[in-house]
Amino acid sequence: MRVLEALRAHADEGLRFADVARAATVSQATCHAILTTLTDAGYVSRDEVTKTYSLGSALVPLAAGAARSMRFAQCVRPELDDLAERTGLACSIAEAVGDSITIVAVSEPPGADAPVGVGTNIPLVPPFGAIHVAWSDPSVIDAWIARAPNAFTEARLREVVADHRLTHVAVAPYTPVSERVRAALTELATHEDSAELRSRTLELLSSVDRLDYLARDLDDKETVAVNAITAPVFENSQKVAFVVGVSIAEPDLPAARLRALVTELHTTTRRMTESIGNVGGGNS
């Protein structure tokens, strides 16, 4: 990310390799690896005559997508604030792009602090993101499963995805250490300087967080340990535009309260789907 920011700041003249590393405050070895990857993907362009690097054309559709996301977020912001006020809990909007999930909006009612802020990136790697990929093409789901730490079996991951498609909600389990440790581990897992660090941290994430509950896991429960609930908003009948979350962090949430919160969340996501259908021209 720092490499792209450095190139954006010098978009007119471009930067030579050493200048990119210096501006991005990364080692030359790390900078070389990052630039090679970004150039191969078309996100960075290298001028063979001047030996300078600049932003590439592959960023254009990403920028268009970001603009669309901002329009959607602005359109549904009143609904997000209303959900936070009705539930008394911090609520957020997150969008999956590539292999990460980005928090694009947060609403905090008085006395409720969101565990993550706008701009936070979370790896789209199990146990995270099943609700984001559940309506995706099989190849996208397969790629998400392929990124899973060894702690999760393919059969269980596919079962969770299928369950989300039926229920239109993900209920993430709460564990005593998960709330504080998750934020630190997530930041490390998305650190751009070390692939090895990323791999080790994702293994730690899998030990801290468990996969989302299946619907049957919640049957006949009087209380449930819940970290958060999330539900999709659709750009059209087949494509998830973004996901709305409610942060709960309760080790003993009454099952009746959980059902009431899911109902409130679904009311909001239905309204949002209708709203962005009008903004984006899709079908609700």
C-alpha atoms as a PDB file:
ATOM      1  CA  MET A   1       0.000   0.000   0.000  1.00  0.00           C
ATOM      2  CA  ARG A   2       2.830   2.408   0.837  1.00  0.00           C
ATOM      3  CA  VAL A   3       4.370   1.745  -2.573  1.00  0.00           C
ATOM      4  CA  LEU A   4       1.147   2.701  -4.337  1.00  0.00           C
ATOM      5  CA  GLU A   5       0.791   5.785  -2.145  1.00  0.00           C
ATOM      6  CA  ALA A   6       4.336   6.854  -3.047  1.00  0.00           C
ATOM      7  CA  LEU A   7       3.603   6.476  -6.763  1.00  0.00           C
ATOM      8  CA  ARG A   8       0.314   8.353  -6.409  1.00  0.00           C
ATOM      9  CA  ALA A   9       2.123  11.252  -4.740  1.00  0.00           C
ATOM     10  CA  HIS A  10       4.518  11.446  -7.715  1.00  0.00           C
ATOM     11  CA  ALA A  11       2.025  10.604 -10.453  1.00  0.00           C
ATOM     12  CA  ASP A  12       3.251  13.315 -12.820  1.00  0.00           C
ATOM     13  CA  GLU A  13       6.930  12.388 -12.985  1.00  0.00           C
ATOM     14  CA  GLY A  14       7.074   8.791 -11.785  1.00  0.00           C
ATOM     15  CA  LEU A  15       9.814   7.410  -9.525  1.00  0.00           C
ATOM     16  CA  ARG A  16      12.978   5.435 -10.087  1.00  0.00           C
ATOM     17  CA  PHE A  17      13.393   2.234  -8.090  1.00  0.00           C
ATOM     18  CA  ALA A  18      15.531   3.656  -5.277  1.00  0.00           C
ATOM     19  CA  ASP A  19      13.184   6.630  -4.939  1.00  0.00           C
ATOM     20  CA  VAL A  20      10.167   4.317  -4.619  1.00  0.00           C
ATOM     21  CA  ALA A  21      11.835   2.373  -1.812  1.00  0.00           C
ATOM     22  CA  ARG A  22      12.811   5.592  -0.036  1.00  0.00           C
ATOM     23  CA  ALA A  23       9.398   7.225  -0.382  1.00  0.00           C
ATOM     24  CA  ALA A  24       7.589   4.057   0.731  1.00  0.00           C
ATOM     25  CA  THR A  25      10.042   3.496   3.614  1.00  0.00           C
ATOM     26  CA  VAL A  26      10.592  -0.164   2.732  1.00  0.00           C
ATOM     27  CA  SER A  27      13.803  -2.074   2.092  1.00  0.00           C
ATOM     28  CA  GLN A  28      15.008  -2.347  -1.501  1.00  0.00           C
ATOM     29  CA  ALA A  29      14.522  -6.126  -1.423  1.00  0.00           C
ATOM     30  CA  THR A  30      10.929  -5.724  -0.279  1.00  0.00           C
ATOM     31  CA  CYS A  31      10.338  -2.901  -2.749  1.00  0.00           C
ATOM     32  CA  HIS A  32      11.634  -5.018  -5.633  1.00  0.00           C
ATOM     33  CA  ALA A  33       9.305  -7.888  -4.745  1.00  0.00           C
ATOM     34  CA  ILE A  34       6.306  -5.573  -4.411  1.00  0.00           C
ATOM     35  CA  LEU A  35       7.004  -3.699  -7.644  1.00  0.00           C
ATOM     36  CA  THR A  36       7.493  -6.941  -9.553  1.00  0.00           C
ATOM     37  CA  THR A  37       4.140  -8.267  -8.330  1.00  0.00           C
ATOM     38  CA  LEU A  38       2.294  -4.999  -9.010  1.00  0.00           C
ATOM     39  CA  THR A  39       3.872  -4.601 -12.449  1.00  0.00           C
ATOM     40  CA  ASP A  40       2.973  -8.153 -13.451  1.00  0.00           C
ATOM     41  CA  ALA A  41      -0.626  -7.443 -12.401  1.00  0.00           C
ATOM     42  CA  GLY A  42      -0.755  -4.153 -14.312  1.00  0.00           C
ATOM     43  CA  TYR A  43      -1.191  -2.004 -11.208  1.00  0.00           C
ATOM     44  CA  VAL A  44       2.212  -0.404 -11.787  1.00  0.00           C
ATOM     45  CA  SER A  45       3.829   0.540 -15.098  1.00  0.00           C
ATOM     46  CA  ARG A  46       7.592   0.771 -15.779  1.00  0.00           C
ATOM     47  CA  ASP A  47       8.982   3.107 -18.412  1.00  0.00           C
ATOM     48  CA  GLU A  48      11.846   1.258 -20.068  1.00  0.00           C
ATOM     49  CA  VAL A  49      13.421   4.506 -21.305  1.00  0.00           C
ATOM     50  CA  THR A  50      13.403   6.595 -18.112  1.00  0.00           C
ATOM     51  CA  LYS A  51      13.479   3.540 -15.784  1.00  0.00           C
ATOM     52  CA  THR A  52      10.712   5.096 -13.713  1.00  0.00           C
ATOM     53  CA  TYR A  53       7.623   3.507 -12.184  1.00  0.00           C
ATOM     54  CA  SER A  54       4.101   4.947 -12.222  1.00  0.00           C
ATOM     55  CA  LEU A  55       0.559   3.803 -11.505  1.00  0.00           C
ATOM     56  CA  GLY A  56      -0.746   1.298 -14.072  1.00  0.00           C
ATOM     57  CA  SER A  57      -3.946   1.069 -16.082  1.00  0.00           C
ATOM     58  CA  ALA A  58      -5.237  -1.930 -14.115  1.00  0.00           C
ATOM     59  CA  LEU A  59      -6.059   0.492 -11.300  1.00  0.00           C
ATOM     60  CA  VAL A  60      -8.710   2.229 -13.426  1.00  0.00           C
ATOM     61  CA  PRO A  61     -11.457  -0.378 -12.899  1.00  0.00           C
ATOM     62  CA  LEU A  62     -10.517  -0.554  -9.217  1.00  0.00           C
ATOM     63  CA  ALA A  63     -10.951   3.204  -8.943  1.00  0.00           C
ATOM     64  CA  ALA A  64     -14.307   2.944 -10.666  1.00  0.00           C
ATOM     65  CA  GLY A  65     -15.322   0.236  -8.230  1.00  0.00           C
ATOM     66  CA  ALA A  66     -14.193   2.373  -5.293  1.00  0.00           C
ATOM     67  CA  ALA A  67     -16.256   5.289  -6.579  1.00  0.00           C
ATOM     68  CA  ARG A  68     -19.260   3.013  -6.852  1.00  0.00           C
ATOM     69  CA  SER A  69     -18.673   1.780  -3.307  1.00  0.00           C
ATOM     70  CA  MET A  70     -18.542   5.338  -2.023  1.00  0.00           C
ATOM     71  CA  ARG A  71     -21.836   6.145  -3.758  1.00  0.00           C
ATOM     72  CA  PHE A  72     -23.399   3.058  -2.208  1.00  0.00           C
ATOM     73  CA  ALA A  73     -21.986   3.845   1.255  1.00  0.00           C
ATOM     74  CA  GLN A  74     -23.307   7.410   1.126  1.00  0.00           C
ATOM     75  CA  CYS A  75     -26.694   6.182  -0.053  1.00  0.00           C
ATOM     76  CA  VAL A  76     -27.139   3.675   2.785  1.00  0.00           C
ATOM     77  CA  ARG A  77     -25.452   5.648   5.573  1.00  0.00           C
ATOM     78  CA  PRO A  78     -28.769   6.723   7.126  1.00  0.00           C
ATOM     79  CA  GLU A  79     -29.831   3.076   7.309  1.00  0.00           C
ATOM     80  CA  LEU A  80     -26.537   2.123   8.986  1.00  0.00           C
ATOM     81  CA  ASP A  81     -26.937   4.877  11.570  1.00  0.00           C
ATOM     82  CA  ASP A  82     -30.544   3.810  12.157  1.00  0.00           C
ATOM     83  CA  LEU A  83     -29.450   0.194  12.737  1.00  0.00           C
ATOM     84  CA  ALA A  84     -26.838   1.335  15.256  1.00  0.00           C
ATOM     85  CA  GLU A  85     -29.414   3.463  17.059  1.00  0.00           C
ATOM     86  CA  ARG A  86     -32.036   0.675  17.133  1.00  0.00           C
ATOM     87  CA  THR A  87     -29.625  -1.963  18.420  1.00  0.00           C
ATOM     88  CA  GLY A  88     -27.416   0.239  20.588  1.00  0.00           C
ATOM     89  CA  LEU A  89     -24.404  -1.495  19.038  1.00  0.00           C
ATOM     90  CA  ALA A  90     -21.581  -0.450  16.725  1.00  0.00           C
ATOM     91  CA  CYS A  91     -22.350  -1.303  13.101  1.00  0.00           C
ATOM     92  CA  SER A  92     -20.177  -1.354  10.013  1.00  0.00           C
ATOM     93  CA  ILE A  93     -20.092  -1.861   6.262  1.00  0.00           C
ATOM     94  CA  ALA A  94     -17.350  -3.999   4.737  1.00  0.00           C
ATOM     95  CA  GLU A  95     -16.506  -4.781   1.126  1.00  0.00           C
ATOM     96  CA  ALA A  96     -14.401  -7.645  -0.221  1.00  0.00           C
ATOM     97  CA  VAL A  97     -11.950  -6.730  -2.964  1.00  0.00           C
ATOM     98  CA  GLY A  98      -9.354  -9.217  -4.121  1.00  0.00           C
ATOM     99  CA  ASP A  99      -8.019 -11.153  -1.160  1.00  0.00           C
ATOM    100  CA  SER A 100      -8.941  -8.650   1.561  1.00  0.00           C
ATOM    101  CA  ILE A 101     -11.980  -7.157   3.279  1.00  0.00           C
ATOM    102  CA  THR A 102     -12.049  -3.396   3.841  1.00  0.00           C
ATOM    103  CA  ILE A 103     -14.172  -1.534   6.373  1.00  0.00           C
ATOM    104  CA  VAL A 104     -15.744   1.346   4.427  1.00  0.00           C
ATOM    105  CA  ALA A 105     -18.172   2.786   7.008  1.00  0.00           C
ATOM    106  CA  VAL A 106     -18.732   2.617  10.762  1.00  0.00           C
ATOM    107  CA  SER A 107     -21.560   3.879  12.944  1.00  0.00           C
ATOM    108  CA  GLU A 108     -21.112   4.077  16.718  1.00  0.00           C
ATOM    109  CA  PRO A 109     -24.051   4.935  18.972  1.00  0.00           C
ATOM    110  CA  PRO A 110     -23.255   6.524  22.348  1.00  0.00           C
ATOM    111  CA  GLY A 111     -21.395   4.068  24.571  1.00  0.00           C
ATOM    112  CA  ALA A 112     -20.572   1.572  21.816  1.00  0.00           C
ATOM    113  CA  ASP A 113     -17.116   1.545  20.264  1.00  0.00           C
ATOM    114  CA  ALA A 114     -16.447  -0.255  16.990  1.00  0.00           C
ATOM    115  CA  PRO A 115     -13.627  -2.821  17.242  1.00  0.00           C
ATOM    116  CA  VAL A 116     -12.288  -1.710  13.841  1.00  0.00           C
ATOM    117  CA  GLY A 117     -12.165   1.623  12.066  1.00  0.00           C
ATOM    118  CA  VAL A 118     -12.782   2.795   8.514  1.00  0.00           C
ATOM    119  CA  GLY A 119      -9.966   1.663   6.257  1.00  0.00           C
ATOM    120  CA  THR A 120      -9.099  -1.423   8.275  1.00  0.00           C
ATOM    121  CA  ASN A 121      -8.118  -4.330   6.032  1.00  0.00           C
ATOM    122  CA  ILE A 122      -8.854  -7.895   7.071  1.00  0.00           C
ATOM    123  CA  PRO A 123      -7.531 -10.868   5.088  1.00  0.00           C
ATOM    124  CA  LEU A 124     -10.216 -12.637   3.044  1.00  0.00           C
ATOM    125  CA  VAL A 125      -9.030 -15.922   4.473  1.00  0.00           C
ATOM    126  CA  PRO A 126     -10.972 -18.437   6.590  1.00  0.00           C
ATOM    127  CA  PRO A 127     -12.249 -18.007   9.259  1.00  0.00           C
ATOM    128  CA  PHE A 128     -13.061 -14.588   7.773  1.00  0.00           C
ATOM    129  CA  GLY A 129     -15.231 -13.838   4.761  1.00  0.00           C
ATOM    130  CA  ALA A 130     -17.595 -16.757   4.181  1.00  0.00           C
ATOM    131  CA  ILE A 131     -20.562 -14.385   3.956  1.00  0.00           C
ATOM    132  CA  HIS A 132     -18.676 -12.307   1.363  1.00  0.00           C
ATOM    133  CA  VAL A 133     -17.999 -15.214  -1.004  1.00  0.00           C
ATOM    134  CA  ALA A 134     -21.164 -17.280  -0.474  1.00  0.00           C
ATOM    135  CA  TRP A 135     -22.862 -15.954  -3.636  1.00  0.00           C
ATOM    136  CA  SER A 136     -19.677 -15.811  -5.722  1.00  0.00           C
ATOM    137  CA  ASP A 137     -18.677 -17.970  -8.671  1.00  0.00           C
ATOM    138  CA  PRO A 138     -17.372 -21.428  -7.697  1.00  0.00           C
ATOM    139  CA  SER A 139     -13.846 -20.387  -8.657  1.00  0.00           C
ATOM    140  CA  VAL A 140     -13.924 -17.552  -6.098  1.00  0.00           C
ATOM    141  CA  ILE A 141     -15.171 -19.884  -3.374  1.00  0.00           C
ATOM    142  CA  ASP A 142     -12.512 -22.427  -4.312  1.00  0.00           C
ATOM    143  CA  ALA A 143      -9.804 -19.750  -4.059  1.00  0.00           C
ATOM    144  CA  TRP A 144     -11.077 -18.673  -0.630  1.00  0.00           C
ATOM    145  CA  ILE A 145     -10.980 -22.279   0.572  1.00  0.00           C
ATOM    146  CA  ALA A 146      -7.492 -22.760  -0.886  1.00  0.00           C
ATOM    147  CA  ARG A 147      -6.224 -19.882   1.298  1.00  0.00           C
ATOM    148  CA  ALA A 148      -7.495 -21.531   4.482  1.00  0.00           C
ATOM    149  CA  PRO A 149      -5.105 -22.443   7.302  1.00  0.00           C
ATOM    150  CA  ASN A 150      -4.771 -26.166   7.941  1.00  0.00           C
ATOM    151  CA  ALA A 151      -7.089 -25.961  10.943  1.00  0.00           C
ATOM    152  CA  PHE A 152     -10.162 -25.857   8.686  1.00  0.00           C
ATOM    153  CA  THR A 153     -11.338 -28.705   6.488  1.00  0.00           C
ATOM    154  CA  GLU A 154     -12.692 -28.118   2.991  1.00  0.00           C
ATOM    155  CA  ALA A 155     -15.911 -29.962   3.848  1.00  0.00           C
ATOM    156  CA  ARG A 156     -16.621 -27.699   6.821  1.00  0.00           C
ATOM    157  CA  LEU A 157     -15.815 -24.547   4.866  1.00  0.00           C
ATOM    158  CA  ARG A 158     -18.190 -25.518   2.074  1.00  0.00           C
ATOM    159  CA  GLU A 159     -20.861 -26.343   4.643  1.00  0.00           C
ATOM    160  CA  VAL A 160     -20.532 -22.881   6.192  1.00  0.00           C
ATOM    161  CA  VAL A 161     -20.792 -21.196   2.783  1.00  0.00           C
ATOM    162  CA  ALA A 162     -23.885 -23.223   1.881  1.00  0.00           C
ATOM    163  CA  ASP A 163     -25.463 -22.431   5.258  1.00  0.00           C
ATOM    164  CA  HIS A 164     -24.948 -18.698   4.741  1.00  0.00           C
ATOM    165  CA  ARG A 165     -26.676 -18.890   1.371  1.00  0.00           C
ATOM    166  CA  LEU A 166     -29.721 -20.379   3.082  1.00  0.00           C
ATOM    167  CA  THR A 167     -29.857 -18.114   6.139  1.00  0.00           C
ATOM    168  CA  HIS A 168     -28.437 -14.856   4.704  1.00  0.00           C
ATOM    169  CA  VAL A 169     -26.570 -14.270   7.971  1.00  0.00           C
ATOM    170  CA  ALA A 170     -23.233 -15.164   9.532  1.00  0.00           C
ATOM    171  CA  VAL A 171     -22.959 -15.513  13.297  1.00  0.00           C
ATOM    172  CA  ALA A 172     -19.318 -15.339  14.386  1.00  0.00           C
ATOM    173  CA  PRO A 173     -18.448 -17.061  17.678  1.00  0.00           C
ATOM    174  CA  TYR A 174     -17.028 -15.096  20.584  1.00  0.00           C
ATOM    175  CA  THR A 175     -13.965 -16.450  22.357  1.00  0.00           C
ATOM    176  CA  PRO A 176     -12.458 -14.854  25.489  1.00  0.00           C
ATOM    177  CA  VAL A 177      -9.230 -13.757  23.785  1.00  0.00           C
ATOM    178  CA  SER A 178     -10.518 -13.104  20.296  1.00  0.00           C
ATOM    179  CA  GLU A 179     -11.665  -9.491  20.643  1.00  0.00           C
ATOM    180  CA  ARG A 180      -8.302  -7.963  21.604  1.00  0.00           C
ATOM    181  CA  VAL A 181      -5.997 -10.401  19.865  1.00  0.00           C
ATOM    182  CA  ARG A 182      -7.873 -10.314  16.551  1.00  0.00           C
ATOM    183  CA  ALA A 183      -7.119  -6.641  15.890  1.00  0.00           C
ATOM    184  CA  ALA A 184      -3.374  -7.058  16.437  1.00  0.00           C
ATOM    185  CA  LEU A 185      -3.151 -10.276  14.434  1.00  0.00           C
ATOM    186  CA  THR A 186      -5.177  -8.882  11.575  1.00  0.00           C
ATOM    187  CA  GLU A 187      -2.818  -5.920  11.257  1.00  0.00           C
ATOM    188  CA  LEU A 188       0.161  -8.269  11.170  1.00  0.00           C
ATOM    189  CA  ALA A 189      -1.525 -10.594   8.697  1.00  0.00           C
ATOM    190  CA  THR A 190      -1.915  -7.813   6.159  1.00  0.00           C
ATOM    191  CA  HIS A 191       1.604  -6.433   6.634  1.00  0.00           C
ATOM    192  CA  GLU A 192       3.178  -6.084   3.223  1.00  0.00           C
ATOM    193  CA  ASP A 193       6.816  -6.587   4.215  1.00  0.00           C
ATOM    194  CA  SER A 194       6.850 -10.313   4.978  1.00  0.00           C
ATOM    195  CA  ALA A 195       5.027 -13.182   3.319  1.00  0.00           C
ATOM    196  CA  GLU A 196       6.389 -15.506   6.000  1.00  0.00           C
ATOM    197  CA  LEU A 197       5.015 -13.273   8.758  1.00  0.00           C
ATOM    198  CA  ARG A 198       1.650 -13.223   6.981  1.00  0.00           C
ATOM    199  CA  SER A 199       1.571 -17.016   6.784  1.00  0.00           C
ATOM    200  CA  ARG A 200       2.470 -17.508  10.453  1.00  0.00           C
ATOM    201  CA  THR A 201      -0.032 -14.890  11.588  1.00  0.00           C
ATOM    202  CA  LEU A 202      -2.883 -16.457   9.635  1.00  0.00           C
ATOM    203  CA  GLU A 203      -2.165 -19.711  11.435  1.00  0.00           C
ATOM    204  CA  LEU A 204      -2.471 -17.810  14.711  1.00  0.00           C
ATOM    205  CA  LEU A 205      -5.736 -16.260  13.536  1.00  0.00           C
ATOM    206  CA  SER A 206      -7.177 -19.699  12.921  1.00  0.00           C
ATOM    207  CA  SER A 207      -6.411 -20.684  16.511  1.00  0.00           C
ATOM    208  CA  VAL A 208      -7.993 -17.530  17.930  1.00  0.00           C
ATOM    209  CA  ASP A 209     -11.137 -17.453  15.789  1.00  0.00           C
ATOM    210  CA  ARG A 210     -13.494 -20.244  14.917  1.00  0.00           C
ATOM    211  CA  LEU A 211     -15.614 -20.581  11.812  1.00  0.00           C
ATOM    212  CA  ASP A 212     -19.084 -19.056  11.813  1.00  0.00           C
ATOM    213  CA  TYR A 213     -21.815 -21.069  13.458  1.00  0.00           C
ATOM    214  CA  LEU A 214     -24.045 -23.267  11.325  1.00  0.00           C
ATOM    215  CA  ALA A 215     -27.767 -22.728  11.852  1.00  0.00           C
ATOM    216  CA  ARG A 216     -28.056 -26.109  13.530  1.00  0.00           C
ATOM    217  CA  ASP A 217     -25.331 -25.156  16.019  1.00  0.00           C
ATOM    218  CA  LEU A 218     -27.734 -22.597  17.462  1.00  0.00           C
ATOM    219  CA  ASP A 219     -30.725 -24.914  17.850  1.00  0.00           C
ATOM    220  CA  ASP A 220     -32.049 -25.274  21.407  1.00  0.00           C
ATOM    221  CA  LYS A 221     -29.500 -22.824  22.812  1.00  0.00           C
ATOM    222  CA  GLU A 222     -30.535 -20.517  25.638  1.00  0.00           C
ATOM    223  CA  THR A 223     -27.412 -18.367  25.311  1.00  0.00           C
ATOM    224  CA  VAL A 224     -24.809 -18.072  22.567  1.00  0.00           C
ATOM    225  CA  ALA A 225     -21.251 -16.732  22.578  1.00  0.00           C
ATOM    226  CA  VAL A 226     -21.393 -14.194  19.743  1.00  0.00           C
ATOM    227  CA  ASN A 227     -18.716 -11.825  18.525  1.00  0.00           C
ATOM    228  CA  ALA A 228     -20.624 -10.314  15.579  1.00  0.00           C
ATOM    229  CA  ILE A 229     -23.370 -10.928  13.056  1.00  0.00           C
ATOM    230  CA  THR A 230     -23.125  -9.986   9.381  1.00  0.00           C
ATOM    231  CA  ALA A 231     -25.491 -10.071   6.438  1.00  0.00           C
ATOM    232  CA  PRO A 232     -25.169  -9.279   2.717  1.00  0.00           C
ATOM    233  CA  VAL A 233     -26.518  -6.392   0.696  1.00  0.00           C
ATOM    234  CA  PHE A 234     -27.030  -7.244  -2.963  1.00  0.00           C
ATOM    235  CA  GLU A 235     -26.178  -5.130  -5.943  1.00  0.00           C
ATOM    236  CA  ASN A 236     -28.414  -7.441  -7.918  1.00  0.00           C
ATOM    237  CA  SER A 237     -29.971 -10.829  -7.227  1.00  0.00           C
ATOM    238  CA  GLN A 238     -26.648 -12.661  -7.590  1.00  0.00           C
ATOM    239  CA  LYS A 239     -23.889 -10.231  -6.567  1.00  0.00           C
ATOM    240  CA  VAL A 240     -23.000  -9.116  -3.037  1.00  0.00           C
ATOM    241  CA  ALA A 241     -22.220  -5.391  -3.015  1.00  0.00           C
ATOM    242  CA  PHE A 242     -21.078  -5.308   0.600  1.00  0.00           C
ATOM    243  CA  VAL A 243     -21.778  -6.795   4.013  1.00  0.00           C
ATOM    244  CA  VAL A 244     -23.293  -5.096   7.057  1.00  0.00           C
ATOM    245  CA  GLY A 245     -22.052  -6.110  10.491  1.00  0.00           C
ATOM    246  CA  VAL A 246     -23.229  -5.649  14.056  1.00  0.00           C
ATOM    247  CA  SER A 247     -20.510  -5.911  16.722  1.00  0.00           C
ATOM    248  CA  ILE A 248     -21.804  -7.746  19.788  1.00  0.00           C
ATOM    249  CA  ALA A 249     -18.887  -9.361  21.701  1.00  0.00           C
ATOM    250  CA  GLU A 250     -21.048 -11.193  24.242  1.00  0.00           C
ATOM    251  CA  PRO A 251     -20.021 -14.542  25.743  1.00  0.00           C
ATOM    252  CA  ASP A 252     -23.587 -15.264  26.924  1.00  0.00           C
ATOM    253  CA  LEU A 253     -25.993 -13.528  24.574  1.00  0.00           C
ATOM    254  CA  PRO A 254     -29.586 -14.715  25.119  1.00  0.00           C
ATOM    255  CA  ALA A 255     -30.780 -16.631  22.072  1.00  0.00           C
ATOM    256  CA  ALA A 256     -33.918 -14.488  21.913  1.00  0.00           C
ATOM    257  CA  ARG A 257     -31.766 -11.348  21.763  1.00  0.00           C
ATOM    258  CA  LEU A 258     -29.686 -12.891  18.967  1.00  0.00           C
ATOM    259  CA  ARG A 259     -32.816 -13.650  16.959  1.00  0.00           C
ATOM    260  CA  ALA A 260     -34.063 -10.089  17.480  1.00  0.00           C
ATOM    261  CA  LEU A 261     -30.728  -8.633  16.324  1.00  0.00           C
ATOM    262  CA  VAL A 262     -30.720 -10.826  13.214  1.00  0.00           C
ATOM    263  CA  THR A 263     -34.228  -9.604  12.418  1.00  0.00           C
ATOM    264  CA  GLU A 264     -33.110  -5.973  12.791  1.00  0.00           C
ATOM    265  CA  LEU A 265     -30.062  -6.647  10.605  1.00  0.00           C
ATOM    266  CA  HIS A 266     -32.129  -8.291   7.875  1.00  0.00           C
ATOM    267  CA  THR A 267     -34.600  -5.409   7.911  1.00  0.00           C
ATOM    268  CA  THR A 268     -31.699  -3.040   7.296  1.00  0.00           C
ATOM    269  CA  THR A 269     -30.019  -5.107   4.580  1.00  0.00           C
ATOM    270  CA  ARG A 270     -33.301  -5.461   2.677  1.00  0.00           C
ATOM    271  CA  ARG A 271     -33.750  -1.690   2.729  1.00  0.00           C
ATOM    272  CA  MET A 272     -30.165  -1.152   1.649  1.00  0.00           C
ATOM    273  CA  THR A 273     -30.540  -3.606  -1.232  1.00  0.00           C
ATOM    274  CA  GLU A 274     -33.566  -1.642  -2.414  1.00  0.00           C
ATOM    275  CA  SER A 275     -31.659   1.649  -2.065  1.00  0.00           C
ATOM    276  CA  ILE A 276     -28.542   0.659  -4.002  1.00  0.00           C
ATOM    277  CA  GLY A 277     -30.715  -0.940  -6.659  1.00  0.00           C
ATOM    278  CA  ASN A 278     -32.033   2.526  -7.330  1.00  0.00           C
ATOM    279  CA  VAL A 279     -28.521   4.048  -7.246  1.00  0.00           C
ATOM    280  CA  GLY A 280     -26.737   1.401  -9.293  1.00  0.00           C
ATOM    281  CA  GLY A 281     -29.474   0.332 -11.612  1.00  0.00           C
ATOM    282  CA  GLY A 282     -29.488  -3.240 -10.323  1.00  0.00           C
ATOM    283  CA  ASN A 283     -32.408  -5.393  -9.309  1.00  0.00           C
ATOM    284  CA  SER A 284     -33.203  -5.748  -5.648  1.00  0.00           C
END
